[in-house]
């Protein structure tokens, strides 16, 4: 019986490690996807952002932000912000899901024992 318990504990540990790796991989993919989507959107919106900033700060800033370098900078900023926000959001979703899943498992095991 002790041997069976040890093997079961090892199997549970491996499952937990696989879940953890899968969770981090999915958070990483969500971060990359969100960064790419918002970076692309920021790059497309850069000329409009440059025009809006140009009305406030002057024509020189509009020319800088509307140039290729300005578009790259704005796209990068949007991409970094999107990656951070998406990764944080998806991470919190996965954490809440794990907590709910553990609560469900506890309730189920109590139900089966009773």
N, C-alpha and C. Protein backbone atom coordinates (compact mmCIF):
# COMPACT_ATOMS: atom_id res chain seq x y z
N UNK A 1 0.83 -1.18 0.00
CA UNK A 1 0.00 0.00 0.00
C UNK A 1 0.87 1.25 0.00
N UNK A 2 1.97 1.24 0.75
CA UNK A 2 2.85 2.39 0.80
C UNK A 2 3.48 2.67 -0.56
N UNK A 3 3.83 1.62 -1.28
CA UNK A 3 4.42 1.76 -2.61
C UNK A 3 3.42 2.39 -3.58
N UNK A 4 2.16 1.97 -3.48
CA UNK A 4 1.12 2.52 -4.34
C UNK A 4 0.94 4.01 -4.06
N UNK A 5 0.97 4.38 -2.80
CA UNK A 5 0.81 5.79 -2.42
C UNK A 5 1.95 6.63 -2.99
N UNK A 6 3.17 6.12 -2.93
CA UNK A 6 4.33 6.85 -3.43
C UNK A 6 4.23 7.03 -4.95
N UNK A 7 3.82 5.98 -5.66
CA UNK A 7 3.67 6.08 -7.12
C UNK A 7 2.57 7.07 -7.48
N UNK A 8 1.50 7.03 -6.72
CA UNK A 8 0.39 7.96 -6.98
C UNK A 8 0.84 9.41 -6.73
N UNK A 9 1.64 9.59 -5.70
CA UNK A 9 2.14 10.92 -5.39
C UNK A 9 3.07 11.42 -6.50
N UNK A 10 3.92 10.54 -7.04
CA UNK A 10 4.80 10.92 -8.15
C UNK A 10 3.99 11.29 -9.38
N UNK A 11 2.96 10.49 -9.67
CA UNK A 11 2.12 10.78 -10.84
C UNK A 11 1.40 12.11 -10.67
N UNK A 12 0.92 12.38 -9.47
CA UNK A 12 0.24 13.65 -9.21
C UNK A 12 1.22 14.81 -9.36
N UNK A 13 2.44 14.61 -8.91
CA UNK A 13 3.46 15.66 -9.04
C UNK A 13 3.78 15.94 -10.51
N UNK A 14 3.86 14.88 -11.31
CA UNK A 14 4.12 15.07 -12.75
C UNK A 14 2.96 15.80 -13.42
N UNK A 15 1.73 15.44 -13.06
CA UNK A 15 0.56 16.12 -13.64
C UNK A 15 0.56 17.60 -13.26
N UNK A 16 0.90 17.88 -12.01
CA UNK A 16 0.94 19.27 -11.56
C UNK A 16 2.00 20.05 -12.32
N UNK A 17 3.17 19.44 -12.55
CA UNK A 17 4.25 20.10 -13.28
C UNK A 17 3.84 20.35 -14.73
N UNK A 18 3.17 19.37 -15.36
CA UNK A 18 2.71 19.55 -16.74
C UNK A 18 1.69 20.67 -16.83
N UNK A 19 0.77 20.73 -15.86
CA UNK A 19 -0.23 21.80 -15.85
C UNK A 19 0.44 23.17 -15.73
N UNK A 20 1.46 23.24 -14.88
CA UNK A 20 2.16 24.50 -14.67
C UNK A 20 2.87 24.94 -15.94
N UNK A 21 3.54 24.01 -16.61
CA UNK A 21 4.23 24.33 -17.87
C UNK A 21 3.23 24.77 -18.93
N UNK A 22 2.12 24.06 -19.01
CA UNK A 22 1.08 24.41 -20.00
C UNK A 22 0.51 25.79 -19.71
N UNK A 23 0.30 26.10 -18.44
CA UNK A 23 -0.23 27.41 -18.06
C UNK A 23 0.72 28.52 -18.49
N UNK A 24 2.00 28.36 -18.19
CA UNK A 24 2.97 29.39 -18.57
C UNK A 24 3.09 29.50 -20.09
N UNK A 25 3.01 28.40 -20.80
CA UNK A 25 3.08 28.45 -22.26
C UNK A 25 1.88 29.20 -22.84
N UNK A 26 0.70 28.94 -22.28
CA UNK A 26 -0.50 29.63 -22.78
C UNK A 26 -0.47 31.12 -22.45
N UNK A 27 0.05 31.46 -21.28
CA UNK A 27 0.18 32.89 -20.93
C UNK A 27 1.17 33.56 -21.88
N UNK A 28 2.27 32.87 -22.20
CA UNK A 28 3.25 33.41 -23.14
C UNK A 28 2.67 33.62 -24.53
N UNK A 29 1.89 32.63 -25.00
CA UNK A 29 1.26 32.77 -26.32
C UNK A 29 0.25 33.91 -26.33
N UNK A 30 -0.52 34.04 -25.26
CA UNK A 30 -1.49 35.14 -25.19
C UNK A 30 -0.76 36.49 -25.18
N UNK A 31 0.36 36.55 -24.47
CA UNK A 31 1.13 37.79 -24.42
C UNK A 31 1.66 38.16 -25.80
N UNK A 32 2.23 37.18 -26.50
CA UNK A 32 2.75 37.44 -27.85
C UNK A 32 1.64 37.85 -28.81
N UNK A 33 0.51 37.15 -28.74
CA UNK A 33 -0.61 37.48 -29.62
C UNK A 33 -1.16 38.86 -29.36
N UNK A 34 -1.36 39.19 -28.09
CA UNK A 34 -1.88 40.52 -27.74
C UNK A 34 -0.93 41.62 -28.14
N UNK A 35 0.37 41.37 -27.93
CA UNK A 35 1.37 42.37 -28.32
C UNK A 35 1.40 42.59 -29.82
N UNK A 36 1.31 41.49 -30.56
CA UNK A 36 1.34 41.60 -32.02
C UNK A 36 0.11 42.34 -32.55
N UNK A 37 -1.05 42.00 -32.02
CA UNK A 37 -2.28 42.64 -32.50
C UNK A 37 -2.29 44.13 -32.17
N UNK A 38 -1.97 44.47 -30.94
CA UNK A 38 -1.99 45.89 -30.58
C UNK A 38 -0.83 46.66 -31.19
N UNK A 39 0.31 45.99 -31.40
CA UNK A 39 1.42 46.65 -32.07
C UNK A 39 1.07 46.99 -33.51
N UNK A 40 0.41 46.06 -34.20
CA UNK A 40 -0.02 46.31 -35.57
C UNK A 40 -1.05 47.43 -35.62
N UNK A 41 -1.97 47.38 -34.68
CA UNK A 41 -3.00 48.43 -34.63
C UNK A 41 -2.37 49.79 -34.34
N UNK A 42 -1.40 49.82 -33.42
CA UNK A 42 -0.72 51.08 -33.11
C UNK A 42 0.06 51.61 -34.30
N UNK A 43 0.68 50.70 -35.06
CA UNK A 43 1.40 51.12 -36.26
C UNK A 43 0.48 51.70 -37.32
N UNK A 44 -0.70 51.11 -37.44
CA UNK A 44 -1.67 51.62 -38.41
C UNK A 44 -2.27 52.95 -37.96
N UNK A 45 -2.40 53.12 -36.65
CA UNK A 45 -3.00 54.36 -36.12
C UNK A 45 -1.97 55.46 -35.91
N UNK A 46 -0.69 55.17 -36.10
CA UNK A 46 0.37 56.14 -35.83
C UNK A 46 0.20 57.46 -36.60
N UNK A 47 -0.12 57.44 -37.90
CA UNK A 47 -0.30 58.73 -38.59
C UNK A 47 -1.43 59.57 -38.00
N UNK A 48 -2.49 58.89 -37.56
CA UNK A 48 -3.60 59.64 -36.94
C UNK A 48 -3.19 60.18 -35.57
N UNK A 49 -2.43 59.39 -34.84
CA UNK A 49 -1.93 59.86 -33.54
C UNK A 49 -0.98 61.04 -33.76
N UNK A 50 -0.14 60.94 -34.78
CA UNK A 50 0.78 62.04 -35.10
C UNK A 50 0.03 63.31 -35.46
N UNK A 51 -1.05 63.17 -36.21
CA UNK A 51 -1.83 64.35 -36.57
C UNK A 51 -2.49 64.97 -35.35
N UNK A 52 -2.99 64.11 -34.45
CA UNK A 52 -3.61 64.62 -33.22
C UNK A 52 -2.61 65.32 -32.33
N UNK A 53 -1.44 64.74 -32.21
CA UNK A 53 -0.38 65.36 -31.40
C UNK A 53 0.10 66.64 -32.08
N UNK A 54 0.12 66.64 -33.39
CA UNK A 54 0.55 67.83 -34.13
C UNK A 54 -0.35 69.02 -33.90
N UNK A 55 -1.64 68.79 -33.71
CA UNK A 55 -2.54 69.91 -33.43
C UNK A 55 -2.29 70.50 -32.06
N UNK A 56 -1.80 69.67 -31.14
CA UNK A 56 -1.54 70.15 -29.79
C UNK A 56 -0.13 70.74 -29.66
N UNK A 57 0.87 70.01 -30.17
CA UNK A 57 2.27 70.41 -29.97
C UNK A 57 2.89 71.13 -31.16
N UNK A 58 2.28 71.09 -32.30
CA UNK A 58 2.83 71.78 -33.45
C UNK A 58 3.16 70.84 -34.60
N UNK A 59 3.49 71.44 -35.74
CA UNK A 59 3.72 70.67 -36.96
C UNK A 59 4.99 69.83 -36.89
N UNK A 60 5.98 70.27 -36.15
CA UNK A 60 7.24 69.52 -36.05
C UNK A 60 7.03 68.16 -35.42
N UNK A 61 6.24 68.11 -34.36
CA UNK A 61 5.99 66.82 -33.70
C UNK A 61 5.13 65.91 -34.59
N UNK A 62 4.23 66.50 -35.36
CA UNK A 62 3.42 65.70 -36.28
C UNK A 62 4.30 65.07 -37.35
N UNK A 63 5.27 65.82 -37.83
CA UNK A 63 6.18 65.29 -38.85
C UNK A 63 7.02 64.15 -38.29
N UNK A 64 7.47 64.30 -37.05
CA UNK A 64 8.29 63.24 -36.44
C UNK A 64 7.46 61.98 -36.20
N UNK A 65 6.27 62.13 -35.63
CA UNK A 65 5.44 60.96 -35.34
C UNK A 65 4.84 60.34 -36.60
N UNK A 66 4.70 61.11 -37.65
CA UNK A 66 4.16 60.57 -38.90
C UNK A 66 5.22 59.90 -39.76
N UNK A 67 6.49 60.05 -39.41
CA UNK A 67 7.56 59.44 -40.20
C UNK A 67 7.64 57.94 -39.91
N UNK A 68 8.52 57.27 -40.64
CA UNK A 68 8.70 55.83 -40.45
C UNK A 68 9.19 55.51 -39.05
N UNK A 69 10.11 56.31 -38.54
CA UNK A 69 10.61 56.09 -37.18
C UNK A 69 9.51 56.31 -36.15
N UNK A 70 8.69 57.32 -36.35
CA UNK A 70 7.58 57.58 -35.44
C UNK A 70 6.57 56.46 -35.43
N UNK A 71 6.30 55.94 -36.62
CA UNK A 71 5.37 54.80 -36.72
C UNK A 71 5.93 53.60 -35.99
N UNK A 72 7.24 53.35 -36.14
CA UNK A 72 7.87 52.23 -35.45
C UNK A 72 7.82 52.42 -33.94
N UNK A 73 8.07 53.63 -33.47
CA UNK A 73 8.04 53.90 -32.03
C UNK A 73 6.64 53.72 -31.47
N UNK A 74 5.66 54.28 -32.14
CA UNK A 74 4.29 54.17 -31.66
C UNK A 74 3.82 52.71 -31.71
N UNK A 75 4.15 52.01 -32.78
CA UNK A 75 3.79 50.59 -32.87
C UNK A 75 4.44 49.77 -31.76
N UNK A 76 5.70 50.07 -31.46
CA UNK A 76 6.39 49.36 -30.38
C UNK A 76 5.76 49.64 -29.03
N UNK A 77 5.42 50.90 -28.78
CA UNK A 77 4.79 51.25 -27.51
C UNK A 77 3.43 50.57 -27.36
N UNK A 78 2.65 50.58 -28.42
CA UNK A 78 1.35 49.90 -28.38
C UNK A 78 1.55 48.39 -28.19
N UNK A 79 2.55 47.83 -28.86
CA UNK A 79 2.83 46.40 -28.73
C UNK A 79 3.23 46.01 -27.33
N UNK A 80 4.11 46.81 -26.71
CA UNK A 80 4.53 46.51 -25.33
C UNK A 80 3.35 46.63 -24.37
N UNK A 81 2.57 47.67 -24.54
CA UNK A 81 1.41 47.84 -23.67
C UNK A 81 0.40 46.71 -23.86
N UNK A 82 0.17 46.34 -25.11
CA UNK A 82 -0.76 45.25 -25.38
C UNK A 82 -0.28 43.92 -24.83
N UNK A 83 1.02 43.66 -24.96
CA UNK A 83 1.58 42.41 -24.44
C UNK A 83 1.45 42.36 -22.93
N UNK A 84 1.76 43.45 -22.27
CA UNK A 84 1.66 43.48 -20.81
C UNK A 84 0.23 43.31 -20.32
N UNK A 85 -0.68 44.04 -20.93
CA UNK A 85 -2.08 43.95 -20.51
C UNK A 85 -2.67 42.57 -20.79
N UNK A 86 -2.40 42.02 -21.96
CA UNK A 86 -2.94 40.72 -22.32
C UNK A 86 -2.36 39.63 -21.43
N UNK A 87 -1.05 39.67 -21.20
CA UNK A 87 -0.43 38.66 -20.34
C UNK A 87 -0.97 38.71 -18.93
N UNK A 88 -1.11 39.90 -18.39
CA UNK A 88 -1.63 40.06 -17.02
C UNK A 88 -3.07 39.58 -16.94
N UNK A 89 -3.88 39.93 -17.92
CA UNK A 89 -5.29 39.54 -17.92
C UNK A 89 -5.43 38.02 -18.03
N UNK A 90 -4.70 37.42 -18.97
CA UNK A 90 -4.80 35.98 -19.16
C UNK A 90 -4.26 35.23 -17.95
N UNK A 91 -3.22 35.77 -17.33
CA UNK A 91 -2.66 35.15 -16.13
C UNK A 91 -3.70 35.14 -15.01
N UNK A 92 -4.41 36.25 -14.83
CA UNK A 92 -5.42 36.30 -13.77
C UNK A 92 -6.58 35.35 -14.07
N UNK A 93 -6.93 35.20 -15.34
CA UNK A 93 -7.98 34.25 -15.70
C UNK A 93 -7.55 32.84 -15.34
N UNK A 94 -6.32 32.47 -15.70
CA UNK A 94 -5.83 31.12 -15.43
C UNK A 94 -5.71 30.88 -13.92
N UNK A 95 -5.29 31.88 -13.14
CA UNK A 95 -5.19 31.71 -11.70
C UNK A 95 -6.56 31.47 -11.09
N UNK A 96 -7.55 32.24 -11.51
CA UNK A 96 -8.90 32.06 -10.99
C UNK A 96 -9.46 30.70 -11.39
N UNK A 97 -9.15 30.25 -12.60
CA UNK A 97 -9.62 28.95 -13.05
C UNK A 97 -9.02 27.84 -12.21
N UNK A 98 -7.73 27.94 -11.89
CA UNK A 98 -7.06 26.92 -11.08
C UNK A 98 -7.69 26.87 -9.70
N UNK A 99 -7.98 28.03 -9.11
CA UNK A 99 -8.60 28.07 -7.79
C UNK A 99 -9.97 27.43 -7.84
N UNK A 100 -10.76 27.75 -8.84
CA UNK A 100 -12.09 27.16 -8.96
C UNK A 100 -12.00 25.65 -9.16
N UNK A 101 -11.04 25.23 -9.98
CA UNK A 101 -10.87 23.80 -10.24
C UNK A 101 -10.50 23.07 -8.95
N UNK A 102 -9.63 23.65 -8.14
CA UNK A 102 -9.24 23.02 -6.88
C UNK A 102 -10.42 22.96 -5.91
N UNK A 103 -11.22 24.01 -5.87
CA UNK A 103 -12.39 24.00 -5.00
C UNK A 103 -13.37 22.92 -5.45
N UNK A 104 -13.52 22.76 -6.76
CA UNK A 104 -14.42 21.73 -7.28
C UNK A 104 -13.91 20.34 -6.91
N UNK A 105 -12.61 20.13 -7.02
CA UNK A 105 -12.04 18.83 -6.68
C UNK A 105 -12.23 18.54 -5.19
N UNK A 106 -12.07 19.54 -4.34
CA UNK A 106 -12.25 19.33 -2.91
C UNK A 106 -13.71 18.98 -2.62
N UNK A 107 -14.63 19.72 -3.21
CA UNK A 107 -16.05 19.44 -2.98
C UNK A 107 -16.40 18.05 -3.48
N UNK A 108 -15.86 17.67 -4.63
CA UNK A 108 -16.18 16.37 -5.19
C UNK A 108 -15.64 15.26 -4.29
N UNK A 109 -14.42 15.42 -3.77
CA UNK A 109 -13.85 14.36 -2.93
C UNK A 109 -14.61 14.25 -1.61
N UNK A 110 -15.06 15.38 -1.06
CA UNK A 110 -15.86 15.34 0.17
C UNK A 110 -17.17 14.64 -0.11
N UNK A 111 -17.76 14.93 -1.26
CA UNK A 111 -19.04 14.32 -1.62
C UNK A 111 -18.90 12.81 -1.76
N UNK A 112 -17.83 12.36 -2.38
CA UNK A 112 -17.63 10.92 -2.55
C UNK A 112 -17.33 10.24 -1.22
N UNK A 113 -16.65 10.94 -0.31
CA UNK A 113 -16.31 10.34 0.97
C UNK A 113 -17.54 10.24 1.87
N UNK A 114 -18.48 11.16 1.70
CA UNK A 114 -19.66 11.20 2.59
C UNK A 114 -20.70 10.31 2.11
